[in-house]
């Protein structure tokens, strides 16, 4: 132990001093340490209730205030900073808070306060981004948030910690209505029968995918919205995942949908679509962005598309398609902030 202190005394980094002295490369999960420390698992007399005294800065969300906030600060290696988010407005259903940082090897942890005694008070966590998705309920419970950012970076054999400037971005998001329509006017299908009968075919028929869903993102970072869903409407169940990527917003959108649609338990439709479309226009009255292609141009927007249908008597499969004058591709995003 004296050897370690001697190395620290000559300004050797603590971890490097220990590793050099015992000839072993210790690994420290700094983020896990800070989470336990904040929960009073390291020192019983310190916990989440003490975080207000460590706040670096605050983001107060009010009815007439900004919906986003950015903080930039310098973090020493293996260090953390705390930011407070005050929920001082009533939120609509589905409102969420997206949190992102611009550096690698860094972590985000979001705590609720006042705490729930005996429970897990971590609301969200991630490395580059995370989302707190229940702002309305948190507001009703008079909760506030503490966002902890940890810099896990450390350069061995360096006499000073590995400091980094880290930009933290917080944004309030309401639900978004995603309306997607793909019309193929020349689709070809094969029907394969379960009893082994010869397959039957359809050529050049119209095929339509029309899907609308209110999205509360599971993840949001750099204009990427990811959501999973499982809901039933008029005896039809929709289950799958949706990813929306705004590229150089609003110039272009990428839309990926992987979905099963079950009708009355008898018919199951399997859809997978990966497409891109250019920005067309924004409707101020509806707060809606429109991305669209039409006619033969739709072909240039389809990266991948597949469809099949399971029925009691067999399977219907899409085996080919072309886009003529009546084809269309449209993605509408209605923002509700």
C-alpha atoms as a PDB file:
ATOM      1  CA  UNK A   1       0.000   0.000   0.000  1.00  0.00           C
ATOM      2  CA  UNK A   2       2.804   2.550   0.718  1.00  0.00           C
ATOM      3  CA  UNK A   3       4.049   2.032  -2.850  1.00  0.00           C
ATOM      4  CA  UNK A   4       0.632   3.066  -4.165  1.00  0.00           C
ATOM      5  CA  UNK A   5       0.626   6.237  -2.059  1.00  0.00           C
ATOM      6  CA  UNK A   6       4.111   7.111  -3.249  1.00  0.00           C
ATOM      7  CA  UNK A   7       2.983   6.930  -6.894  1.00  0.00           C
ATOM      8  CA  UNK A   8      -0.090   9.057  -6.175  1.00  0.00           C
ATOM      9  CA  UNK A   9       2.125  11.549  -4.364  1.00  0.00           C
ATOM     10  CA  UNK A  10       4.081  12.148  -7.593  1.00  0.00           C
ATOM     11  CA  UNK A  11       0.761  12.770  -9.410  1.00  0.00           C
ATOM     12  CA  UNK A  12       0.236   9.282 -10.771  1.00  0.00           C
ATOM     13  CA  UNK A  13      -3.452   8.561 -11.477  1.00  0.00           C
ATOM     14  CA  UNK A  14      -4.975   6.474  -8.649  1.00  0.00           C
ATOM     15  CA  UNK A  15      -6.016   3.532 -10.837  1.00  0.00           C
ATOM     16  CA  UNK A  16      -2.768   3.593 -12.766  1.00  0.00           C
ATOM     17  CA  UNK A  17      -0.822   3.686  -9.470  1.00  0.00           C
ATOM     18  CA  UNK A  18      -2.664   0.609  -8.177  1.00  0.00           C
ATOM     19  CA  UNK A  19      -2.296  -1.309 -11.457  1.00  0.00           C
ATOM     20  CA  UNK A  20       1.402  -0.474 -11.687  1.00  0.00           C
ATOM     21  CA  UNK A  21       2.048  -1.529  -8.109  1.00  0.00           C
ATOM     22  CA  UNK A  22       0.241  -4.900  -8.236  1.00  0.00           C
ATOM     23  CA  UNK A  23       1.147  -5.637 -11.874  1.00  0.00           C
ATOM     24  CA  UNK A  24      -2.478  -6.238 -12.756  1.00  0.00           C
ATOM     25  CA  UNK A  25      -4.979  -4.312 -14.862  1.00  0.00           C
ATOM     26  CA  UNK A  26      -7.957  -3.582 -12.651  1.00  0.00           C
ATOM     27  CA  UNK A  27     -11.304  -2.900 -14.308  1.00  0.00           C
ATOM     28  CA  UNK A  28     -13.611  -0.395 -12.662  1.00  0.00           C
ATOM     29  CA  UNK A  29     -17.276  -0.092 -13.647  1.00  0.00           C
ATOM     30  CA  UNK A  30     -17.529   3.521 -12.615  1.00  0.00           C
ATOM     31  CA  UNK A  31     -21.174   3.846 -13.620  1.00  0.00           C
ATOM     32  CA  UNK A  32     -22.231   0.909 -11.434  1.00  0.00           C
ATOM     33  CA  UNK A  33     -20.300   2.430  -8.518  1.00  0.00           C
ATOM     34  CA  UNK A  34     -22.048   5.811  -8.874  1.00  0.00           C
ATOM     35  CA  UNK A  35     -25.484   4.152  -9.107  1.00  0.00           C
ATOM     36  CA  UNK A  36     -24.853   2.217  -5.893  1.00  0.00           C
ATOM     37  CA  UNK A  37     -23.395   5.329  -4.270  1.00  0.00           C
ATOM     38  CA  UNK A  38     -26.507   7.338  -5.165  1.00  0.00           C
ATOM     39  CA  UNK A  39     -28.752   4.650  -3.665  1.00  0.00           C
ATOM     40  CA  UNK A  40     -26.908   4.648  -0.346  1.00  0.00           C
ATOM     41  CA  UNK A  41     -25.394   1.233  -0.978  1.00  0.00           C
ATOM     42  CA  UNK A  42     -21.819   2.488  -0.445  1.00  0.00           C
ATOM     43  CA  UNK A  43     -22.418   4.859   2.490  1.00  0.00           C
ATOM     44  CA  UNK A  44     -25.768   4.547   4.294  1.00  0.00           C
ATOM     45  CA  UNK A  45     -25.789   8.244   5.152  1.00  0.00           C
ATOM     46  CA  UNK A  46     -25.740   9.276   1.480  1.00  0.00           C
ATOM     47  CA  UNK A  47     -28.479   8.579  -1.080  1.00  0.00           C
ATOM     48  CA  UNK A  48     -30.756  10.076  -3.702  1.00  0.00           C
ATOM     49  CA  UNK A  49     -32.110  12.559  -1.151  1.00  0.00           C
ATOM     50  CA  UNK A  50     -28.630  14.156  -1.150  1.00  0.00           C
ATOM     51  CA  UNK A  51     -28.491  14.674  -4.934  1.00  0.00           C
ATOM     52  CA  UNK A  52     -30.065  18.196  -4.905  1.00  0.00           C
ATOM     53  CA  UNK A  53     -26.909  19.459  -3.249  1.00  0.00           C
ATOM     54  CA  UNK A  54     -24.778  18.137  -6.118  1.00  0.00           C
ATOM     55  CA  UNK A  55     -26.781  19.547  -9.044  1.00  0.00           C
ATOM     56  CA  UNK A  56     -24.645  20.984 -11.851  1.00  0.00           C
ATOM     57  CA  UNK A  57     -27.576  22.708 -13.590  1.00  0.00           C
ATOM     58  CA  UNK A  58     -31.384  22.554 -13.940  1.00  0.00           C
ATOM     59  CA  UNK A  59     -33.958  22.142 -16.712  1.00  0.00           C
ATOM     60  CA  UNK A  60     -37.359  23.455 -15.652  1.00  0.00           C
ATOM     61  CA  UNK A  61     -40.213  22.295 -17.902  1.00  0.00           C
ATOM     62  CA  UNK A  62     -43.078  24.794 -17.667  1.00  0.00           C
ATOM     63  CA  UNK A  63     -46.279  25.302 -19.654  1.00  0.00           C
ATOM     64  CA  UNK A  64     -44.863  28.274 -21.520  1.00  0.00           C
ATOM     65  CA  UNK A  65     -41.217  27.231 -21.450  1.00  0.00           C
ATOM     66  CA  UNK A  66     -38.836  25.578 -23.877  1.00  0.00           C
ATOM     67  CA  UNK A  67     -39.318  21.931 -24.764  1.00  0.00           C
ATOM     68  CA  UNK A  68     -35.594  21.212 -24.948  1.00  0.00           C
ATOM     69  CA  UNK A  69     -32.358  22.096 -23.189  1.00  0.00           C
ATOM     70  CA  UNK A  70     -28.665  21.494 -23.851  1.00  0.00           C
ATOM     71  CA  UNK A  71     -25.849  21.483 -21.305  1.00  0.00           C
ATOM     72  CA  UNK A  72     -22.135  21.171 -22.096  1.00  0.00           C
ATOM     73  CA  UNK A  73     -19.564  20.578 -19.366  1.00  0.00           C
ATOM     74  CA  UNK A  74     -16.095  19.161 -18.892  1.00  0.00           C
ATOM     75  CA  UNK A  75     -15.888  15.823 -17.061  1.00  0.00           C
ATOM     76  CA  UNK A  76     -12.750  14.335 -15.586  1.00  0.00           C
ATOM     77  CA  UNK A  77     -12.121  10.669 -16.316  1.00  0.00           C
ATOM     78  CA  UNK A  78     -14.208   8.351 -14.121  1.00  0.00           C
ATOM     79  CA  UNK A  79     -16.352  11.211 -12.859  1.00  0.00           C
ATOM     80  CA  UNK A  80     -20.052  12.097 -12.810  1.00  0.00           C
ATOM     81  CA  UNK A  81     -22.288  15.158 -12.899  1.00  0.00           C
ATOM     82  CA  UNK A  82     -25.922  15.526 -11.800  1.00  0.00           C
ATOM     83  CA  UNK A  83     -28.630  17.553 -13.571  1.00  0.00           C
ATOM     84  CA  UNK A  84     -32.098  18.225 -12.203  1.00  0.00           C
ATOM     85  CA  UNK A  85     -35.254  18.161 -14.346  1.00  0.00           C
ATOM     86  CA  UNK A  86     -38.235  19.907 -12.734  1.00  0.00           C
ATOM     87  CA  UNK A  87     -41.630  18.791 -14.096  1.00  0.00           C
ATOM     88  CA  UNK A  88     -43.660  21.957 -13.595  1.00  0.00           C
ATOM     89  CA  UNK A  89     -46.423  21.447 -16.173  1.00  0.00           C
ATOM     90  CA  UNK A  90     -49.215  18.998 -16.923  1.00  0.00           C
ATOM     91  CA  UNK A  91     -48.327  16.590 -19.748  1.00  0.00           C
ATOM     92  CA  UNK A  92     -50.590  14.877 -22.242  1.00  0.00           C
ATOM     93  CA  UNK A  93     -50.828  11.090 -22.499  1.00  0.00           C
ATOM     94  CA  UNK A  94     -47.696   9.598 -23.977  1.00  0.00           C
ATOM     95  CA  UNK A  95     -45.409  12.563 -23.328  1.00  0.00           C
ATOM     96  CA  UNK A  96     -41.793  11.496 -22.868  1.00  0.00           C
ATOM     97  CA  UNK A  97     -38.375  12.974 -22.202  1.00  0.00           C
ATOM     98  CA  UNK A  98     -35.534  11.968 -24.499  1.00  0.00           C
ATOM     99  CA  UNK A  99     -32.004  12.234 -23.155  1.00  0.00           C
ATOM    100  CA  UNK A 100     -28.848  11.930 -25.248  1.00  0.00           C
ATOM    101  CA  UNK A 101     -25.114  12.618 -24.993  1.00  0.00           C
ATOM    102  CA  UNK A 102     -22.507  13.046 -27.720  1.00  0.00           C
ATOM    103  CA  UNK A 103     -19.597  10.978 -26.356  1.00  0.00           C
ATOM    104  CA  UNK A 104     -18.768   7.266 -26.273  1.00  0.00           C
ATOM    105  CA  UNK A 105     -17.883   5.305 -23.129  1.00  0.00           C
ATOM    106  CA  UNK A 106     -20.271   7.465 -21.148  1.00  0.00           C
ATOM    107  CA  UNK A 107     -23.461   6.509 -19.319  1.00  0.00           C
ATOM    108  CA  UNK A 108     -26.829   8.046 -18.477  1.00  0.00           C
ATOM    109  CA  UNK A 109     -28.905   7.155 -15.408  1.00  0.00           C
ATOM    110  CA  UNK A 110     -32.194   8.881 -14.504  1.00  0.00           C
ATOM    111  CA  UNK A 111     -33.437   8.808 -10.892  1.00  0.00           C
ATOM    112  CA  UNK A 112     -36.870   9.828  -9.591  1.00  0.00           C
ATOM    113  CA  UNK A 113     -37.274  12.004  -6.503  1.00  0.00           C
ATOM    114  CA  UNK A 114     -38.881  11.872  -3.987  1.00  0.00           C
ATOM    115  CA  UNK A 115     -37.859   8.223  -3.865  1.00  0.00           C
ATOM    116  CA  UNK A 116     -40.088   5.181  -3.526  1.00  0.00           C
ATOM    117  CA  UNK A 117     -38.824   3.637  -0.270  1.00  0.00           C
ATOM    118  CA  UNK A 118     -37.594   0.106  -0.783  1.00  0.00           C
ATOM    119  CA  UNK A 119     -38.060   0.252  -4.550  1.00  0.00           C
ATOM    120  CA  UNK A 120     -35.943   0.807  -7.640  1.00  0.00           C
ATOM    121  CA  UNK A 121     -35.732   4.540  -8.244  1.00  0.00           C
ATOM    122  CA  UNK A 122     -33.967   4.308 -11.621  1.00  0.00           C
ATOM    123  CA  UNK A 123     -36.433   5.368 -14.339  1.00  0.00           C
ATOM    124  CA  UNK A 124     -34.190   4.993 -17.386  1.00  0.00           C
ATOM    125  CA  UNK A 125     -30.574   4.326 -18.335  1.00  0.00           C
ATOM    126  CA  UNK A 126     -28.414   3.983 -21.418  1.00  0.00           C
ATOM    127  CA  UNK A 127     -25.003   4.681 -22.907  1.00  0.00           C
ATOM    128  CA  UNK A 128     -25.761   7.207 -25.667  1.00  0.00           C
ATOM    129  CA  UNK A 129     -29.454   7.822 -25.080  1.00  0.00           C
ATOM    130  CA  UNK A 130     -32.538   6.828 -23.127  1.00  0.00           C
ATOM    131  CA  UNK A 131     -36.182   7.876 -22.775  1.00  0.00           C
ATOM    132  CA  UNK A 132     -38.348   8.562 -19.719  1.00  0.00           C
ATOM    133  CA  UNK A 133     -41.774   7.708 -21.087  1.00  0.00           C
ATOM    134  CA  UNK A 134     -44.277   8.428 -18.279  1.00  0.00           C
ATOM    135  CA  UNK A 135     -44.052  12.191 -17.685  1.00  0.00           C
ATOM    136  CA  UNK A 136     -47.793  12.570 -17.072  1.00  0.00           C
ATOM    137  CA  UNK A 137     -47.782  10.012 -14.252  1.00  0.00           C
ATOM    138  CA  UNK A 138     -44.567  11.398 -12.764  1.00  0.00           C
ATOM    139  CA  UNK A 139     -46.035  14.886 -12.733  1.00  0.00           C
ATOM    140  CA  UNK A 140     -49.188  13.601 -10.995  1.00  0.00           C
ATOM    141  CA  UNK A 141     -46.954  12.011  -8.348  1.00  0.00           C
ATOM    142  CA  UNK A 142     -45.053  15.319  -7.884  1.00  0.00           C
ATOM    143  CA  UNK A 143     -41.805  13.674  -8.949  1.00  0.00           C
ATOM    144  CA  UNK A 144     -38.651  15.396 -10.125  1.00  0.00           C
ATOM    145  CA  UNK A 145     -35.823  13.813 -12.107  1.00  0.00           C
ATOM    146  CA  UNK A 146     -32.096  13.676 -11.547  1.00  0.00           C
ATOM    147  CA  UNK A 147     -30.001  12.843 -14.604  1.00  0.00           C
ATOM    148  CA  UNK A 148     -26.547  11.450 -13.846  1.00  0.00           C
ATOM    149  CA  UNK A 149     -23.911  11.502 -16.616  1.00  0.00           C
ATOM    150  CA  UNK A 150     -20.789   9.404 -16.034  1.00  0.00           C
ATOM    151  CA  UNK A 151     -17.538   9.669 -17.998  1.00  0.00           C
ATOM    152  CA  UNK A 152     -16.097   6.120 -18.057  1.00  0.00           C
ATOM    153  CA  UNK A 153     -13.066   7.180 -20.100  1.00  0.00           C
ATOM    154  CA  UNK A 154      -9.624   6.628 -18.610  1.00  0.00           C
ATOM    155  CA  UNK A 155      -6.211   6.632 -20.297  1.00  0.00           C
ATOM    156  CA  UNK A 156      -3.702   4.342 -18.582  1.00  0.00           C
ATOM    157  CA  UNK A 157      -0.187   5.629 -17.810  1.00  0.00           C
ATOM    158  CA  UNK A 158      -1.417   9.195 -17.972  1.00  0.00           C
ATOM    159  CA  UNK A 159      -0.671  11.487 -15.068  1.00  0.00           C
ATOM    160  CA  UNK A 160      -3.983  13.297 -15.392  1.00  0.00           C
ATOM    161  CA  UNK A 161      -7.547  11.962 -15.713  1.00  0.00           C
ATOM    162  CA  UNK A 162      -9.084  11.656 -19.189  1.00  0.00           C
ATOM    163  CA  UNK A 163     -11.294  14.738 -19.301  1.00  0.00           C
ATOM    164  CA  UNK A 164     -13.995  15.156 -21.961  1.00  0.00           C
ATOM    165  CA  UNK A 165     -16.456  17.850 -22.948  1.00  0.00           C
ATOM    166  CA  UNK A 166     -19.851  16.130 -22.952  1.00  0.00           C
ATOM    167  CA  UNK A 167     -22.975  17.680 -24.438  1.00  0.00           C
ATOM    168  CA  UNK A 168     -26.234  16.626 -22.798  1.00  0.00           C
ATOM    169  CA  UNK A 169     -29.505  17.184 -24.693  1.00  0.00           C
ATOM    170  CA  UNK A 170     -32.947  16.865 -23.082  1.00  0.00           C
ATOM    171  CA  UNK A 171     -36.130  17.090 -25.192  1.00  0.00           C
ATOM    172  CA  UNK A 172     -39.809  16.732 -24.365  1.00  0.00           C
ATOM    173  CA  UNK A 173     -41.747  14.668 -26.909  1.00  0.00           C
ATOM    174  CA  UNK A 174     -45.434  13.998 -27.210  1.00  0.00           C
ATOM    175  CA  UNK A 175     -46.923  11.089 -29.075  1.00  0.00           C
ATOM    176  CA  UNK A 176     -46.520  11.124 -32.847  1.00  0.00           C
ATOM    177  CA  UNK A 177     -49.139   9.793 -35.214  1.00  0.00           C
ATOM    178  CA  UNK A 178     -47.379   7.868 -37.968  1.00  0.00           C
ATOM    179  CA  UNK A 179     -49.549   7.286 -41.041  1.00  0.00           C
ATOM    180  CA  UNK A 180     -48.000   5.071 -43.724  1.00  0.00           C
ATOM    181  CA  UNK A 181     -49.490   4.131 -47.101  1.00  0.00           C
ATOM    182  CA  UNK A 182     -47.827   1.970 -49.766  1.00  0.00           C
ATOM    183  CA  UNK A 183     -49.870   1.252 -52.896  1.00  0.00           C
ATOM    184  CA  UNK A 184     -48.479  -1.297 -55.351  1.00  0.00           C
ATOM    185  CA  UNK A 185     -50.558  -1.412 -58.502  1.00  0.00           C
ATOM    186  CA  UNK A 186     -48.860  -4.471 -60.083  1.00  0.00           C
ATOM    187  CA  UNK A 187     -48.325  -7.183 -57.450  1.00  0.00           C
ATOM    188  CA  UNK A 188     -47.936 -10.912 -58.108  1.00  0.00           C
ATOM    189  CA  UNK A 189     -49.002 -13.599 -55.597  1.00  0.00           C
ATOM    190  CA  UNK A 190     -48.691 -17.364 -55.191  1.00  0.00           C
ATOM    191  CA  UNK A 191     -51.080 -19.375 -52.999  1.00  0.00           C
ATOM    192  CA  UNK A 192     -49.591 -22.619 -51.644  1.00  0.00           C
ATOM    193  CA  UNK A 193     -52.268 -25.024 -50.294  1.00  0.00           C
ATOM    194  CA  UNK A 194     -51.778 -27.034 -47.107  1.00  0.00           C
ATOM    195  CA  UNK A 195     -53.303 -30.159 -48.656  1.00  0.00           C
ATOM    196  CA  UNK A 196     -50.716 -30.272 -51.426  1.00  0.00           C
ATOM    197  CA  UNK A 197     -53.018 -29.069 -54.215  1.00  0.00           C
ATOM    198  CA  UNK A 198     -51.307 -27.207 -57.100  1.00  0.00           C
ATOM    199  CA  UNK A 199     -50.509 -23.580 -56.330  1.00  0.00           C
ATOM    200  CA  UNK A 200     -52.644 -20.813 -57.776  1.00  0.00           C
ATOM    201  CA  UNK A 201     -51.388 -17.409 -58.910  1.00  0.00           C
ATOM    202  CA  UNK A 202     -52.510 -13.799 -59.226  1.00  0.00           C
ATOM    203  CA  UNK A 203     -50.643 -11.352 -61.471  1.00  0.00           C
ATOM    204  CA  UNK A 204     -50.745  -7.584 -61.782  1.00  0.00           C
ATOM    205  CA  UNK A 205     -53.238  -6.953 -58.966  1.00  0.00           C
ATOM    206  CA  UNK A 206     -53.376  -4.001 -56.609  1.00  0.00           C
ATOM    207  CA  UNK A 207     -51.807  -4.411 -53.167  1.00  0.00           C
ATOM    208  CA  UNK A 208     -52.158  -1.887 -50.337  1.00  0.00           C
ATOM    209  CA  UNK A 209     -50.508  -1.437 -46.937  1.00  0.00           C
ATOM    210  CA  UNK A 210     -52.179   1.292 -44.884  1.00  0.00           C
ATOM    211  CA  UNK A 211     -51.014   1.612 -41.284  1.00  0.00           C
ATOM    212  CA  UNK A 212     -51.465   4.345 -38.692  1.00  0.00           C
ATOM    213  CA  UNK A 213     -50.170   4.275 -35.128  1.00  0.00           C
ATOM    214  CA  UNK A 214     -49.619   6.675 -32.248  1.00  0.00           C
ATOM    215  CA  UNK A 215     -45.976   6.265 -31.305  1.00  0.00           C
ATOM    216  CA  UNK A 216     -44.449   6.812 -27.902  1.00  0.00           C
ATOM    217  CA  UNK A 217     -40.778   6.157 -28.609  1.00  0.00           C
ATOM    218  CA  UNK A 218     -38.949   3.423 -26.707  1.00  0.00           C
ATOM    219  CA  UNK A 219     -35.730   5.078 -27.808  1.00  0.00           C
ATOM    220  CA  UNK A 220     -34.908   8.438 -29.321  1.00  0.00           C
ATOM    221  CA  UNK A 221     -31.500   9.739 -30.352  1.00  0.00           C
ATOM    222  CA  UNK A 222     -30.364  12.023 -33.153  1.00  0.00           C
ATOM    223  CA  UNK A 223     -33.828  12.030 -34.775  1.00  0.00           C
ATOM    224  CA  UNK A 224     -34.234   8.238 -34.605  1.00  0.00           C
ATOM    225  CA  UNK A 225     -37.558   7.033 -33.192  1.00  0.00           C
ATOM    226  CA  UNK A 226     -37.890   3.367 -32.208  1.00  0.00           C
ATOM    227  CA  UNK A 227     -41.161   1.944 -30.898  1.00  0.00           C
ATOM    228  CA  UNK A 228     -42.657  -1.475 -30.290  1.00  0.00           C
ATOM    229  CA  UNK A 229     -46.418  -1.991 -30.306  1.00  0.00           C
ATOM    230  CA  UNK A 230     -49.058  -4.585 -29.530  1.00  0.00           C
ATOM    231  CA  UNK A 231     -52.660  -3.401 -29.730  1.00  0.00           C
ATOM    232  CA  UNK A 232     -56.075  -4.597 -30.902  1.00  0.00           C
ATOM    233  CA  UNK A 233     -58.591  -2.602 -32.916  1.00  0.00           C
ATOM    234  CA  UNK A 234     -61.955  -4.048 -34.024  1.00  0.00           C
ATOM    235  CA  UNK A 235     -60.857  -7.670 -33.410  1.00  0.00           C
ATOM    236  CA  UNK A 236     -57.637  -7.126 -35.365  1.00  0.00           C
ATOM    237  CA  UNK A 237     -54.338  -7.374 -33.477  1.00  0.00           C
ATOM    238  CA  UNK A 238     -51.260  -5.421 -34.590  1.00  0.00           C
ATOM    239  CA  UNK A 239     -47.893  -6.443 -33.181  1.00  0.00           C
ATOM    240  CA  UNK A 240     -44.379  -5.468 -34.224  1.00  0.00           C
ATOM    241  CA  UNK A 241     -41.751  -2.761 -34.260  1.00  0.00           C
ATOM    242  CA  UNK A 242     -41.350   0.581 -35.984  1.00  0.00           C
ATOM    243  CA  UNK A 243     -38.273   2.693 -36.618  1.00  0.00           C
ATOM    244  CA  UNK A 244     -38.354   6.188 -38.096  1.00  0.00           C
ATOM    245  CA  UNK A 245     -35.100   7.920 -39.045  1.00  0.00           C
ATOM    246  CA  UNK A 246     -35.158  11.566 -40.115  1.00  0.00           C
ATOM    247  CA  UNK A 247     -32.110  12.138 -42.334  1.00  0.00           C
ATOM    248  CA  UNK A 248     -30.891  15.734 -42.343  1.00  0.00           C
ATOM    249  CA  UNK A 249     -34.273  16.698 -40.998  1.00  0.00           C
ATOM    250  CA  UNK A 250     -36.566  17.293 -42.741  1.00  0.00           C
ATOM    251  CA  UNK A 251     -35.025  16.438 -46.132  1.00  0.00           C
ATOM    252  CA  UNK A 252     -35.641  12.682 -46.054  1.00  0.00           C
ATOM    253  CA  UNK A 253     -37.185   9.948 -43.916  1.00  0.00           C
ATOM    254  CA  UNK A 254     -36.398   6.247 -43.575  1.00  0.00           C
ATOM    255  CA  UNK A 255     -39.262   4.054 -42.411  1.00  0.00           C
ATOM    256  CA  UNK A 256     -38.874   0.464 -41.195  1.00  0.00           C
ATOM    257  CA  UNK A 257     -41.889  -1.590 -40.148  1.00  0.00           C
ATOM    258  CA  UNK A 258     -41.888  -5.247 -39.066  1.00  0.00           C
ATOM    259  CA  UNK A 259     -45.469  -6.225 -38.255  1.00  0.00           C
ATOM    260  CA  UNK A 260     -47.882  -9.132 -37.863  1.00  0.00           C
ATOM    261  CA  UNK A 261     -51.592  -8.432 -38.282  1.00  0.00           C
ATOM    262  CA  UNK A 262     -53.983 -11.120 -36.987  1.00  0.00           C
ATOM    263  CA  UNK A 263     -57.621 -10.964 -38.104  1.00  0.00           C
ATOM    264  CA  UNK A 264     -60.149 -12.869 -35.948  1.00  0.00           C
ATOM    265  CA  UNK A 265     -57.376 -15.454 -35.174  1.00  0.00           C
ATOM    266  CA  UNK A 266     -57.887 -16.977 -38.636  1.00  0.00           C
ATOM    267  CA  UNK A 267     -55.671 -14.881 -40.889  1.00  0.00           C
ATOM    268  CA  UNK A 268     -52.201 -13.600 -40.131  1.00  0.00           C
ATOM    269  CA  UNK A 269     -50.528 -11.031 -42.375  1.00  0.00           C
ATOM    270  CA  UNK A 270     -46.739 -10.660 -42.174  1.00  0.00           C
ATOM    271  CA  UNK A 271     -45.291  -7.336 -43.347  1.00  0.00           C
ATOM    272  CA  UNK A 272     -41.755  -6.076 -43.542  1.00  0.00           C
ATOM    273  CA  UNK A 273     -40.942  -2.761 -45.186  1.00  0.00           C
ATOM    274  CA  UNK A 274     -37.788  -0.651 -45.410  1.00  0.00           C
ATOM    275  CA  UNK A 275     -38.297   2.472 -47.492  1.00  0.00           C
ATOM    276  CA  UNK A 276     -37.130   6.047 -47.938  1.00  0.00           C
ATOM    277  CA  UNK A 277     -38.952   9.105 -49.196  1.00  0.00           C
ATOM    278  CA  UNK A 278     -38.044  12.770 -49.667  1.00  0.00           C
ATOM    279  CA  UNK A 279     -39.675  15.574 -47.720  1.00  0.00           C
ATOM    280  CA  UNK A 280     -42.700  16.942 -49.527  1.00  0.00           C
ATOM    281  CA  UNK A 281     -44.320  19.598 -47.344  1.00  0.00           C
ATOM    282  CA  UNK A 282     -45.218  20.680 -43.801  1.00  0.00           C
ATOM    283  CA  UNK A 283     -48.791  21.471 -42.808  1.00  0.00           C
ATOM    284  CA  UNK A 284     -48.695  24.119 -40.073  1.00  0.00           C
ATOM    285  CA  UNK A 285     -52.346  23.644 -39.145  1.00  0.00           C
ATOM    286  CA  UNK A 286     -51.889  19.925 -38.499  1.00  0.00           C
ATOM    287  CA  UNK A 287     -48.239  20.136 -37.384  1.00  0.00           C
ATOM    288  CA  UNK A 288     -47.593  17.398 -39.921  1.00  0.00           C
ATOM    289  CA  UNK A 289     -44.630  16.523 -42.142  1.00  0.00           C
ATOM    290  CA  UNK A 290     -45.335  14.683 -45.391  1.00  0.00           C
ATOM    291  CA  UNK A 291     -42.839  12.485 -47.249  1.00  0.00           C
ATOM    292  CA  UNK A 292     -43.993  10.955 -50.517  1.00  0.00           C
ATOM    293  CA  UNK A 293     -43.263   9.405 -53.900  1.00  0.00           C
ATOM    294  CA  UNK A 294     -45.648   8.506 -56.698  1.00  0.00           C
ATOM    295  CA  UNK A 295     -45.827   6.432 -59.865  1.00  0.00           C
ATOM    296  CA  UNK A 296     -42.722   4.639 -61.062  1.00  0.00           C
ATOM    297  CA  UNK A 297     -40.613   6.774 -58.680  1.00  0.00           C
ATOM    298  CA  UNK A 298     -41.841   4.618 -55.792  1.00  0.00           C
ATOM    299  CA  UNK A 299     -39.417   1.896 -56.910  1.00  0.00           C
ATOM    300  CA  UNK A 300     -36.493   4.124 -55.934  1.00  0.00           C
ATOM    301  CA  UNK A 301     -37.808   4.449 -52.394  1.00  0.00           C
ATOM    302  CA  UNK A 302     -38.273   0.761 -51.595  1.00  0.00           C
ATOM    303  CA  UNK A 303     -35.170  -0.815 -50.052  1.00  0.00           C
ATOM    304  CA  UNK A 304     -37.002  -3.993 -49.064  1.00  0.00           C
ATOM    305  CA  UNK A 305     -40.616  -5.164 -48.946  1.00  0.00           C
ATOM    306  CA  UNK A 306     -42.130  -8.557 -48.181  1.00  0.00           C
ATOM    307  CA  UNK A 307     -45.643  -9.782 -47.489  1.00  0.00           C
ATOM    308  CA  UNK A 308     -47.288 -13.115 -46.787  1.00  0.00           C
ATOM    309  CA  UNK A 309     -50.608 -14.271 -45.403  1.00  0.00           C
ATOM    310  CA  UNK A 310     -51.315 -17.427 -43.371  1.00  0.00           C
ATOM    311  CA  UNK A 311     -54.847 -18.800 -43.770  1.00  0.00           C
ATOM    312  CA  UNK A 312     -56.572 -22.021 -42.622  1.00  0.00           C
ATOM    313  CA  UNK A 313     -56.152 -23.533 -46.095  1.00  0.00           C
ATOM    314  CA  UNK A 314     -52.664 -22.363 -46.999  1.00  0.00           C
ATOM    315  CA  UNK A 315     -50.199 -19.508 -47.439  1.00  0.00           C
ATOM    316  CA  UNK A 316     -50.387 -16.544 -49.786  1.00  0.00           C
ATOM    317  CA  UNK A 317     -47.000 -15.067 -50.735  1.00  0.00           C
ATOM    318  CA  UNK A 318     -45.956 -11.933 -52.570  1.00  0.00           C
ATOM    319  CA  UNK A 319     -43.593 -13.164 -55.291  1.00  0.00           C
ATOM    320  CA  UNK A 320     -42.993  -9.970 -57.230  1.00  0.00           C
ATOM    321  CA  UNK A 321     -44.170  -6.437 -57.894  1.00  0.00           C
ATOM    322  CA  UNK A 322     -43.770  -3.419 -60.170  1.00  0.00           C
ATOM    323  CA  UNK A 323     -44.753   0.198 -59.777  1.00  0.00           C
ATOM    324  CA  UNK A 324     -46.866   1.837 -62.445  1.00  0.00           C
ATOM    325  CA  UNK A 325     -48.624   5.187 -62.755  1.00  0.00           C
ATOM    326  CA  UNK A 326     -51.033   4.447 -59.894  1.00  0.00           C
ATOM    327  CA  UNK A 327     -48.377   3.468 -57.343  1.00  0.00           C
ATOM    328  CA  UNK A 328     -47.806   5.676 -54.306  1.00  0.00           C
ATOM    329  CA  UNK A 329     -45.725   5.853 -51.153  1.00  0.00           C
ATOM    330  CA  UNK A 330     -46.600   8.259 -48.381  1.00  0.00           C
ATOM    331  CA  UNK A 331     -45.328   8.732 -44.824  1.00  0.00           C
ATOM    332  CA  UNK A 332     -47.088  11.318 -42.676  1.00  0.00           C
ATOM    333  CA  UNK A 333     -45.803  12.252 -39.231  1.00  0.00           C
ATOM    334  CA  UNK A 334     -48.142  14.277 -37.019  1.00  0.00           C
ATOM    335  CA  UNK A 335     -46.216  15.808 -34.128  1.00  0.00           C
ATOM    336  CA  UNK A 336     -48.078  16.372 -30.887  1.00  0.00           C
ATOM    337  CA  UNK A 337     -45.870  18.418 -28.569  1.00  0.00           C
END
